[in-house]
Amino acid sequence: MTDPKDFRVSDAEREHVIGLLQKAIGQGLITLDEFSTRTDVALVAKTRGELNAVLVDLPGMTHNEQAPKAVVPKDRVEIKNTMSSVSRKGQWAVPRELVVRNRMGSTDLDFSEADIPHAVVTVELDVTAGSVSILLPEGATVDTEEIEMAAGSVSDKSGGGEGRPHFVLTGAVRAGSVQIKQVRMVRIGPYLVRMPGFRVRKA
């Protein structure tokens, strides 16, 4: 029987471990030089044993050796929020149609690392005196022309994209705000750093 430590690792697992190393920097567990050295090791790791070696002395940061289960996204999902904060981020399954009902609250939708199998994603807004923040993946495009505004505002700082997925925002915003940004990858030496949000990968 094959030892789990000898199982081959995927690019997604390597990126997950690099994300854990980034958290270790934030907690003061390792220096930037150590991060650079360990990242280089993680990027060339072939087995789970080799990958875990860069985390072995970091408490609570061992890479999970069980592969994550696939999540099948639904066609339509509603997010309801009244006088509170709601966020979707990380590797979440994005439906074909997403409805945001926001009453005097804040909704944060981070699509940058999400599972988006659809070429077009429709986001229907039903916002009253609330705020919606949207972070698009690199290269994505967005259309905000179908939003009905009433004493509200839309700020699109995505800068436009040339690829997919394409996001279509519809619905109504009353005395509320919608802010749209897009992930950018900036080269720093041999690494690509994600902006906004500190993420690093080998260029």
Foldseek 3Di string as FASTA:
>chain_A
DDDLQADFDDPVLLQVLLVLLVVCVVVVNDDPVLSVVLNVQSVPDTGLNSNQVSVVPPPPRGRDSDDDDDDDAAQEDEDEEACEEEEDDAAAEAHQEYEYAYHLEEYEYECQHYDYPDLEHEYEYNAANYEYEYEAHAQEAEAEVQEAEALEEEAAAQVGHHGDNYYYYHYYHHNYYYYYHYWDWDDDPQWTAIPPPGGIHGD
